[in-house]
């Protein structure tokens, strides 16, 4: 059986599609109420790693903290 851990990169900076701030490889669209009170997806993205919100995919990949729309989500220790 082939050793799979040798083929998996542990360096987040080598991933092409990752958060430029924390290296997470996933995000989700932000859900918010519109003016009529209906829940809709916005254009903003929230990183699943650091919890920061970004205006678009390009900004998420760059990790430009000046362009993020909210600070990271606080976690309890």
PDB file of N, CA and C in Angstrom:
ATOM      1  N   UNK A   1       0.842  -1.174   0.000  1.00  0.00           N
ATOM      2  CA  UNK A   1       0.000   0.000   0.000  1.00  0.00           C
ATOM      3  C   UNK A   1       0.892   1.244   0.000  1.00  0.00           C
ATOM      4  N   UNK A   2       0.558   2.201  -0.812  1.00  0.00           N
ATOM      5  CA  UNK A   2       1.339   3.433  -0.953  1.00  0.00           C
ATOM      6  C   UNK A   2       1.133   4.344   0.257  1.00  0.00           C
ATOM      7  N   UNK A   3       2.193   5.005   0.693  1.00  0.00           N
ATOM      8  CA  UNK A   3       2.124   5.930   1.812  1.00  0.00           C
ATOM      9  C   UNK A   3       1.514   7.243   1.321  1.00  0.00           C
ATOM     10  N   UNK A   4       0.279   7.523   1.726  1.00  0.00           N
ATOM     11  CA  UNK A   4      -0.425   8.719   1.263  1.00  0.00           C
ATOM     12  C   UNK A   4       0.100   9.988   1.913  1.00  0.00           C
ATOM     13  N   UNK A   5       0.632   9.900   3.125  1.00  0.00           N
ATOM     14  CA  UNK A   5       1.106  11.102   3.800  1.00  0.00           C
ATOM     15  C   UNK A   5       2.287  11.730   3.076  1.00  0.00           C
ATOM     16  N   UNK A   6       3.032  10.952   2.321  1.00  0.00           N
ATOM     17  CA  UNK A   6       4.165  11.493   1.572  1.00  0.00           C
ATOM     18  C   UNK A   6       3.698  12.349   0.401  1.00  0.00           C
ATOM     19  N   UNK A   7       2.510  12.086  -0.121  1.00  0.00           N
ATOM     20  CA  UNK A   7       2.021  12.835  -1.276  1.00  0.00           C
ATOM     21  C   UNK A   7       1.178  14.054  -0.891  1.00  0.00           C
ATOM     22  N   UNK A   8       0.843  14.212   0.385  1.00  0.00           N
ATOM     23  CA  UNK A   8       0.028  15.335   0.836  1.00  0.00           C
ATOM     24  C   UNK A   8       0.939  16.431   1.357  1.00  0.00           C
ATOM     25  N   UNK A   9       0.770  17.615   0.817  1.00  0.00           N
ATOM     26  CA  UNK A   9       1.580  18.745   1.235  1.00  0.00           C
ATOM     27  C   UNK A   9       1.062  19.304   2.553  1.00  0.00           C
ATOM     28  N   UNK A  10       1.967  19.588   3.479  1.00  0.00           N
ATOM     29  CA  UNK A  10       1.569  20.183   4.747  1.00  0.00           C
ATOM     30  C   UNK A  10       1.877  21.668   4.785  1.00  0.00           C
ATOM     31  N   UNK A  11       2.392  22.211   3.715  1.00  0.00           N
ATOM     32  CA  UNK A  11       2.720  23.626   3.638  1.00  0.00           C
ATOM     33  C   UNK A  11       1.549  24.365   2.997  1.00  0.00           C
ATOM     34  N   UNK A  12       0.797  25.177   3.753  1.00  0.00           N
ATOM     35  CA  UNK A  12      -0.385  25.838   3.192  1.00  0.00           C
ATOM     36  C   UNK A  12      -0.058  26.832   2.080  1.00  0.00           C
ATOM     37  N   UNK A  13       1.155  27.348   2.037  1.00  0.00           N
ATOM     38  CA  UNK A  13       1.487  28.335   1.009  1.00  0.00           C
ATOM     39  C   UNK A  13       1.614  27.720  -0.381  1.00  0.00           C
ATOM     40  N   UNK A  14       1.730  26.380  -0.489  1.00  0.00           N
ATOM     41  CA  UNK A  14       1.849  25.741  -1.788  1.00  0.00           C
ATOM     42  C   UNK A  14       0.494  25.503  -2.443  1.00  0.00           C
ATOM     43  N   UNK A  15      -0.592  25.578  -1.677  1.00  0.00           N
ATOM     44  CA  UNK A  15      -1.925  25.386  -2.240  1.00  0.00           C
ATOM     45  C   UNK A  15      -2.304  26.603  -3.078  1.00  0.00           C
ATOM     46  N   UNK A  16      -2.879  26.369  -4.234  1.00  0.00           N
ATOM     47  CA  UNK A  16      -3.250  27.461  -5.122  1.00  0.00           C
ATOM     48  C   UNK A  16      -4.537  28.140  -4.680  1.00  0.00           C
ATOM     49  N   UNK A  17      -5.436  27.388  -4.102  1.00  0.00           N
ATOM     50  CA  UNK A  17      -6.727  27.940  -3.711  1.00  0.00           C
ATOM     51  C   UNK A  17      -6.847  27.881  -2.191  1.00  0.00           C
ATOM     52  N   UNK A  18      -6.232  28.864  -1.535  1.00  0.00           N
ATOM     53  CA  UNK A  18      -6.273  28.877  -0.077  1.00  0.00           C
ATOM     54  C   UNK A  18      -6.319  30.312   0.431  1.00  0.00           C
ATOM     55  N   UNK A  19      -6.704  30.447   1.685  1.00  0.00           N
ATOM     56  CA  UNK A  19      -6.735  31.757   2.334  1.00  0.00           C
ATOM     57  C   UNK A  19      -5.312  32.281   2.440  1.00  0.00           C
ATOM     58  N   UNK A  20      -5.091  33.477   1.977  1.00  0.00           N
ATOM     59  CA  UNK A  20      -3.771  34.071   2.045  1.00  0.00           C
ATOM     60  C   UNK A  20      -3.369  34.466   3.447  1.00  0.00           C
ATOM     61  N   UNK A  21      -4.308  34.478   4.373  1.00  0.00           N
ATOM     62  CA  UNK A  21      -4.015  34.863   5.750  1.00  0.00           C
ATOM     63  C   UNK A  21      -3.666  33.641   6.605  1.00  0.00           C
ATOM     64  N   UNK A  22      -4.523  32.602   6.559  1.00  0.00           N
ATOM     65  CA  UNK A  22      -4.318  31.453   7.444  1.00  0.00           C
ATOM     66  C   UNK A  22      -3.980  30.155   6.721  1.00  0.00           C
ATOM     67  N   UNK A  23      -4.166  30.099   5.406  1.00  0.00           N
ATOM     68  CA  UNK A  23      -3.844  28.895   4.647  1.00  0.00           C
ATOM     69  C   UNK A  23      -4.974  27.893   4.532  1.00  0.00           C
ATOM     70  N   UNK A  24      -6.151  28.187   5.100  1.00  0.00           N
ATOM     71  CA  UNK A  24      -7.290  27.268   4.989  1.00  0.00           C
ATOM     72  C   UNK A  24      -7.689  27.122   3.526  1.00  0.00           C
ATOM     73  N   UNK A  25      -8.188  25.965   3.164  1.00  0.00           N
ATOM     74  CA  UNK A  25      -8.528  25.706   1.765  1.00  0.00           C
ATOM     75  C   UNK A  25     -10.024  25.728   1.495  1.00  0.00           C
ATOM     76  N   UNK A  26     -10.810  26.289   2.416  1.00  0.00           N
ATOM     77  CA  UNK A  26     -12.251  26.373   2.173  1.00  0.00           C
ATOM     78  C   UNK A  26     -12.827  27.670   2.736  1.00  0.00           C
ATOM     79  N   UNK A  27     -13.957  28.031   2.183  1.00  0.00           N
ATOM     80  CA  UNK A  27     -14.683  29.232   2.589  1.00  0.00           C
ATOM     81  C   UNK A  27     -16.150  28.980   2.321  1.00  0.00           C
ATOM     82  N   UNK A  28     -17.005  29.860   2.776  1.00  0.00           N
ATOM     83  CA  UNK A  28     -18.419  29.769   2.424  1.00  0.00           C
ATOM     84  C   UNK A  28     -18.981  31.164   2.243  1.00  0.00           C
ATOM     85  N   UNK A  29     -20.054  31.248   1.502  1.00  0.00           N
ATOM     86  CA  UNK A  29     -20.714  32.533   1.273  1.00  0.00           C
ATOM     87  C   UNK A  29     -21.425  32.967   2.550  1.00  0.00           C
ATOM     88  N   UNK A  30     -21.449  34.262   2.784  1.00  0.00           N
ATOM     89  CA  UNK A  30     -22.101  34.816   3.966  1.00  0.00           C
ATOM     90  C   UNK A  30     -23.598  34.937   3.691  1.00  0.00           C
ATOM     91  N   UNK A  31     -24.396  34.510   4.647  1.00  0.00           N
ATOM     92  CA  UNK A  31     -25.849  34.575   4.560  1.00  0.00           C
ATOM     93  C   UNK A  31     -26.330  35.726   5.432  1.00  0.00           C
ATOM     94  N   UNK A  32     -27.144  36.623   4.861  1.00  0.00           N
ATOM     95  CA  UNK A  32     -27.632  37.785   5.613  1.00  0.00           C
ATOM     96  C   UNK A  32     -29.027  38.161   5.132  1.00  0.00           C
ATOM     97  N   UNK A  33     -29.730  38.926   5.948  1.00  0.00           N
ATOM     98  CA  UNK A  33     -31.072  39.391   5.566  1.00  0.00           C
ATOM     99  C   UNK A  33     -30.961  40.586   4.629  1.00  0.00           C
ATOM    100  N   UNK A  34     -31.806  40.586   3.608  1.00  0.00           N
ATOM    101  CA  UNK A  34     -31.851  41.740   2.716  1.00  0.00           C
ATOM    102  C   UNK A  34     -32.818  42.778   3.284  1.00  0.00           C
ATOM    103  N   UNK A  35     -33.080  43.840   2.520  1.00  0.00           N
ATOM    104  CA  UNK A  35     -33.939  44.923   2.997  1.00  0.00           C
ATOM    105  C   UNK A  35     -35.372  44.460   3.287  1.00  0.00           C
ATOM    106  N   UNK A  36     -35.815  43.402   2.611  1.00  0.00           N
ATOM    107  CA  UNK A  36     -37.163  42.881   2.826  1.00  0.00           C
ATOM    108  C   UNK A  36     -37.209  41.846   3.959  1.00  0.00           C
ATOM    109  N   UNK A  37     -36.070  41.551   4.562  1.00  0.00           N
ATOM    110  CA  UNK A  37     -36.028  40.591   5.661  1.00  0.00           C
ATOM    111  C   UNK A  37     -35.835  39.155   5.226  1.00  0.00           C
ATOM    112  N   UNK A  38     -35.565  38.940   3.946  1.00  0.00           N
ATOM    113  CA  UNK A  38     -35.378  37.598   3.409  1.00  0.00           C
ATOM    114  C   UNK A  38     -33.896  37.225   3.519  1.00  0.00           C
ATOM    115  N   UNK A  39     -33.618  35.989   3.976  1.00  0.00           N
ATOM    116  CA  UNK A  39     -32.241  35.514   4.070  1.00  0.00           C
ATOM    117  C   UNK A  39     -31.730  35.196   2.662  1.00  0.00           C
ATOM    118  N   UNK A  40     -30.610  35.822   2.304  1.00  0.00           N
ATOM    119  CA  UNK A  40     -29.997  35.613   0.985  1.00  0.00           C
ATOM    120  C   UNK A  40     -28.488  35.560   1.149  1.00  0.00           C
ATOM    121  N   UNK A  41     -27.852  34.884   0.202  1.00  0.00           N
ATOM    122  CA  UNK A  41     -26.397  34.867   0.183  1.00  0.00           C
ATOM    123  C   UNK A  41     -25.878  36.208  -0.313  1.00  0.00           C
ATOM    124  N   UNK A  42     -24.819  36.693   0.311  1.00  0.00           N
ATOM    125  CA  UNK A  42     -24.181  37.936  -0.117  1.00  0.00           C
ATOM    126  C   UNK A  42     -22.984  37.603  -0.996  1.00  0.00           C
ATOM    127  N   UNK A  43     -22.299  38.610  -1.481  1.00  0.00           N
ATOM    128  CA  UNK A  43     -21.091  38.400  -2.272  1.00  0.00           C
ATOM    129  C   UNK A  43     -19.880  38.109  -1.393  1.00  0.00           C
ATOM    130  N   UNK A  44     -19.990  38.411  -0.101  1.00  0.00           N
ATOM    131  CA  UNK A  44     -18.865  38.228   0.818  1.00  0.00           C
ATOM    132  C   UNK A  44     -18.596  36.745   1.062  1.00  0.00           C
ATOM    133  N   UNK A  45     -17.336  36.431   1.347  1.00  0.00           N
ATOM    134  CA  UNK A  45     -16.904  35.076   1.662  1.00  0.00           C
ATOM    135  C   UNK A  45     -16.360  35.055   3.079  1.00  0.00           C
ATOM    136  N   UNK A  46     -16.631  33.990   3.832  1.00  0.00           N
ATOM    137  CA  UNK A  46     -16.063  33.825   5.171  1.00  0.00           C
ATOM    138  C   UNK A  46     -15.143  32.612   5.148  1.00  0.00           C
ATOM    139  N   UNK A  47     -13.903  32.831   5.531  1.00  0.00           N
ATOM    140  CA  UNK A  47     -12.907  31.763   5.591  1.00  0.00           C
ATOM    141  C   UNK A  47     -13.276  30.804   6.715  1.00  0.00           C
ATOM    142  N   UNK A  48     -13.208  29.501   6.450  1.00  0.00           N
ATOM    143  CA  UNK A  48     -13.535  28.521   7.482  1.00  0.00           C
ATOM    144  C   UNK A  48     -12.389  28.323   8.457  1.00  0.00           C
ATOM    145  N   UNK A  49     -11.208  28.824   8.124  1.00  0.00           N
ATOM    146  CA  UNK A  49     -10.064  28.684   9.018  1.00  0.00           C
ATOM    147  C   UNK A  49      -9.974  29.806  10.026  1.00  0.00           C
ATOM    148  N   UNK A  50      -9.878  31.041   9.553  1.00  0.00           N
ATOM    149  CA  UNK A  50      -9.670  32.182  10.449  1.00  0.00           C
ATOM    150  C   UNK A  50     -10.954  32.950  10.752  1.00  0.00           C
ATOM    151  N   UNK A  51     -12.026  32.714   9.995  1.00  0.00           N
ATOM    152  CA  UNK A  51     -13.300  33.370  10.257  1.00  0.00           C
ATOM    153  C   UNK A  51     -13.403  34.782   9.702  1.00  0.00           C
ATOM    154  N   UNK A  52     -12.376  35.230   9.002  1.00  0.00           N
ATOM    155  CA  UNK A  52     -12.420  36.577   8.418  1.00  0.00           C
ATOM    156  C   UNK A  52     -13.362  36.580   7.212  1.00  0.00           C
ATOM    157  N   UNK A  53     -14.006  37.719   7.005  1.00  0.00           N
ATOM    158  CA  UNK A  53     -14.859  37.888   5.829  1.00  0.00           C
ATOM    159  C   UNK A  53     -14.106  38.700   4.795  1.00  0.00           C
ATOM    160  N   UNK A  54     -14.231  38.276   3.549  1.00  0.00           N
ATOM    161  CA  UNK A  54     -13.561  38.936   2.435  1.00  0.00           C
ATOM    162  C   UNK A  54     -14.576  39.319   1.370  1.00  0.00           C
ATOM    163  N   UNK A  55     -14.285  40.393   0.662  1.00  0.00           N
ATOM    164  CA  UNK A  55     -15.208  40.928  -0.337  1.00  0.00           C
ATOM    165  C   UNK A  55     -15.371  39.999  -1.537  1.00  0.00           C
ATOM    166  N   UNK A  56     -14.306  39.285  -1.922  1.00  0.00           N
ATOM    167  CA  UNK A  56     -14.386  38.394  -3.076  1.00  0.00           C
ATOM    168  C   UNK A  56     -13.310  37.325  -2.992  1.00  0.00           C
ATOM    169  N   UNK A  57     -13.309  36.415  -3.941  1.00  0.00           N
ATOM    170  CA  UNK A  57     -12.394  35.283  -3.948  1.00  0.00           C
ATOM    171  C   UNK A  57     -10.938  35.708  -4.101  1.00  0.00           C
ATOM    172  N   UNK A  58     -10.689  36.693  -4.933  1.00  0.00           N
ATOM    173  CA  UNK A  58      -9.319  37.161  -5.143  1.00  0.00           C
ATOM    174  C   UNK A  58      -8.723  37.720  -3.847  1.00  0.00           C
ATOM    175  N   UNK A  59      -9.497  38.477  -3.109  1.00  0.00           N
ATOM    176  CA  UNK A  59      -9.030  39.044  -1.841  1.00  0.00           C
ATOM    177  C   UNK A  59      -8.794  37.926  -0.829  1.00  0.00           C
ATOM    178  N   UNK A  60      -9.672  36.899  -0.807  1.00  0.00           N
ATOM    179  CA  UNK A  60      -9.494  35.748   0.081  1.00  0.00           C
ATOM    180  C   UNK A  60      -8.175  35.048  -0.209  1.00  0.00           C
ATOM    181  N   UNK A  61      -7.873  34.837  -1.478  1.00  0.00           N
ATOM    182  CA  UNK A  61      -6.622  34.168  -1.856  1.00  0.00           C
ATOM    183  C   UNK A  61      -5.398  34.998  -1.473  1.00  0.00           C
ATOM    184  N   UNK A  62      -5.497  36.306  -1.550  1.00  0.00           N
ATOM    185  CA  UNK A  62      -4.367  37.174  -1.225  1.00  0.00           C
ATOM    186  C   UNK A  62      -4.213  37.361   0.279  1.00  0.00           C
ATOM    187  N   UNK A  63      -5.302  37.208   1.029  1.00  0.00           N
ATOM    188  CA  UNK A  63      -5.258  37.384   2.474  1.00  0.00           C
ATOM    189  C   UNK A  63      -5.050  38.818   2.879  1.00  0.00           C
ATOM    190  N   UNK A  64      -5.470  39.731   2.031  1.00  0.00           N
ATOM    191  CA  UNK A  64      -5.282  41.155   2.300  1.00  0.00           C
ATOM    192  C   UNK A  64      -6.219  41.580   3.417  1.00  0.00           C
ATOM    193  N   UNK A  65      -5.674  41.784   4.617  1.00  0.00           N
ATOM    194  CA  UNK A  65      -6.507  42.105   5.772  1.00  0.00           C
ATOM    195  C   UNK A  65      -7.134  43.485   5.658  1.00  0.00           C
ATOM    196  N   UNK A  66      -6.590  44.377   4.836  1.00  0.00           N
ATOM    197  CA  UNK A  66      -7.174  45.699   4.681  1.00  0.00           C
ATOM    198  C   UNK A  66      -8.491  45.634   3.921  1.00  0.00           C
ATOM    199  N   UNK A  67      -8.682  44.608   3.124  1.00  0.00           N
ATOM    200  CA  UNK A  67      -9.896  44.469   2.336  1.00  0.00           C
ATOM    201  C   UNK A  67     -10.958  43.620   3.020  1.00  0.00           C
ATOM    202  N   UNK A  68     -10.635  42.999   4.156  1.00  0.00           N
ATOM    203  CA  UNK A  68     -11.625  42.147   4.806  1.00  0.00           C
ATOM    204  C   UNK A  68     -12.760  43.008   5.345  1.00  0.00           C
ATOM    205  N   UNK A  69     -13.956  42.442   5.404  1.00  0.00           N
ATOM    206  CA  UNK A  69     -15.118  43.215   5.817  1.00  0.00           C
ATOM    207  C   UNK A  69     -15.378  43.124   7.307  1.00  0.00           C
ATOM    208  N   UNK A  70     -14.855  42.099   7.982  1.00  0.00           N
ATOM    209  CA  UNK A  70     -15.028  41.983   9.426  1.00  0.00           C
ATOM    210  C   UNK A  70     -13.768  41.399  10.044  1.00  0.00           C
ATOM    211  N   UNK A  71     -13.580  41.601  11.355  1.00  0.00           N
ATOM    212  CA  UNK A  71     -12.432  41.002  12.026  1.00  0.00           C
ATOM    213  C   UNK A  71     -12.642  39.495  12.181  1.00  0.00           C
ATOM    214  N   UNK A  72     -11.620  38.736  12.543  1.00  0.00           N
ATOM    215  CA  UNK A  72     -11.792  37.308  12.722  1.00  0.00           C
ATOM    216  C   UNK A  72     -12.742  36.992  13.869  1.00  0.00           C
ATOM    217  N   UNK A  73     -13.354  35.840  13.807  1.00  0.00           N
ATOM    218  CA  UNK A  73     -14.281  35.396  14.843  1.00  0.00           C
ATOM    219  C   UNK A  73     -13.476  34.984  16.066  1.00  0.00           C
ATOM    220  N   UNK A  74     -13.885  35.448  17.235  1.00  0.00           N
ATOM    221  CA  UNK A  74     -13.185  35.092  18.475  1.00  0.00           C
ATOM    222  C   UNK A  74     -13.540  33.656  18.857  1.00  0.00           C
ATOM    223  N   UNK A  75     -12.558  32.934  19.372  1.00  0.00           N
ATOM    224  CA  UNK A  75     -12.792  31.567  19.804  1.00  0.00           C
ATOM    225  C   UNK A  75     -12.511  31.453  21.288  1.00  0.00           C
ATOM    226  N   UNK A  76     -13.270  30.625  21.965  1.00  0.00           N
ATOM    227  CA  UNK A  76     -13.072  30.400  23.402  1.00  0.00           C
ATOM    228  C   UNK A  76     -11.969  29.387  23.608  1.00  0.00           C
ATOM    229  N   UNK A  77     -11.095  29.654  24.540  1.00  0.00           N
ATOM    230  CA  UNK A  77     -10.011  28.703  24.832  1.00  0.00           C
ATOM    231  C   UNK A  77     -10.309  27.889  26.043  1.00  0.00           C
TER     232      UNK A  77
END
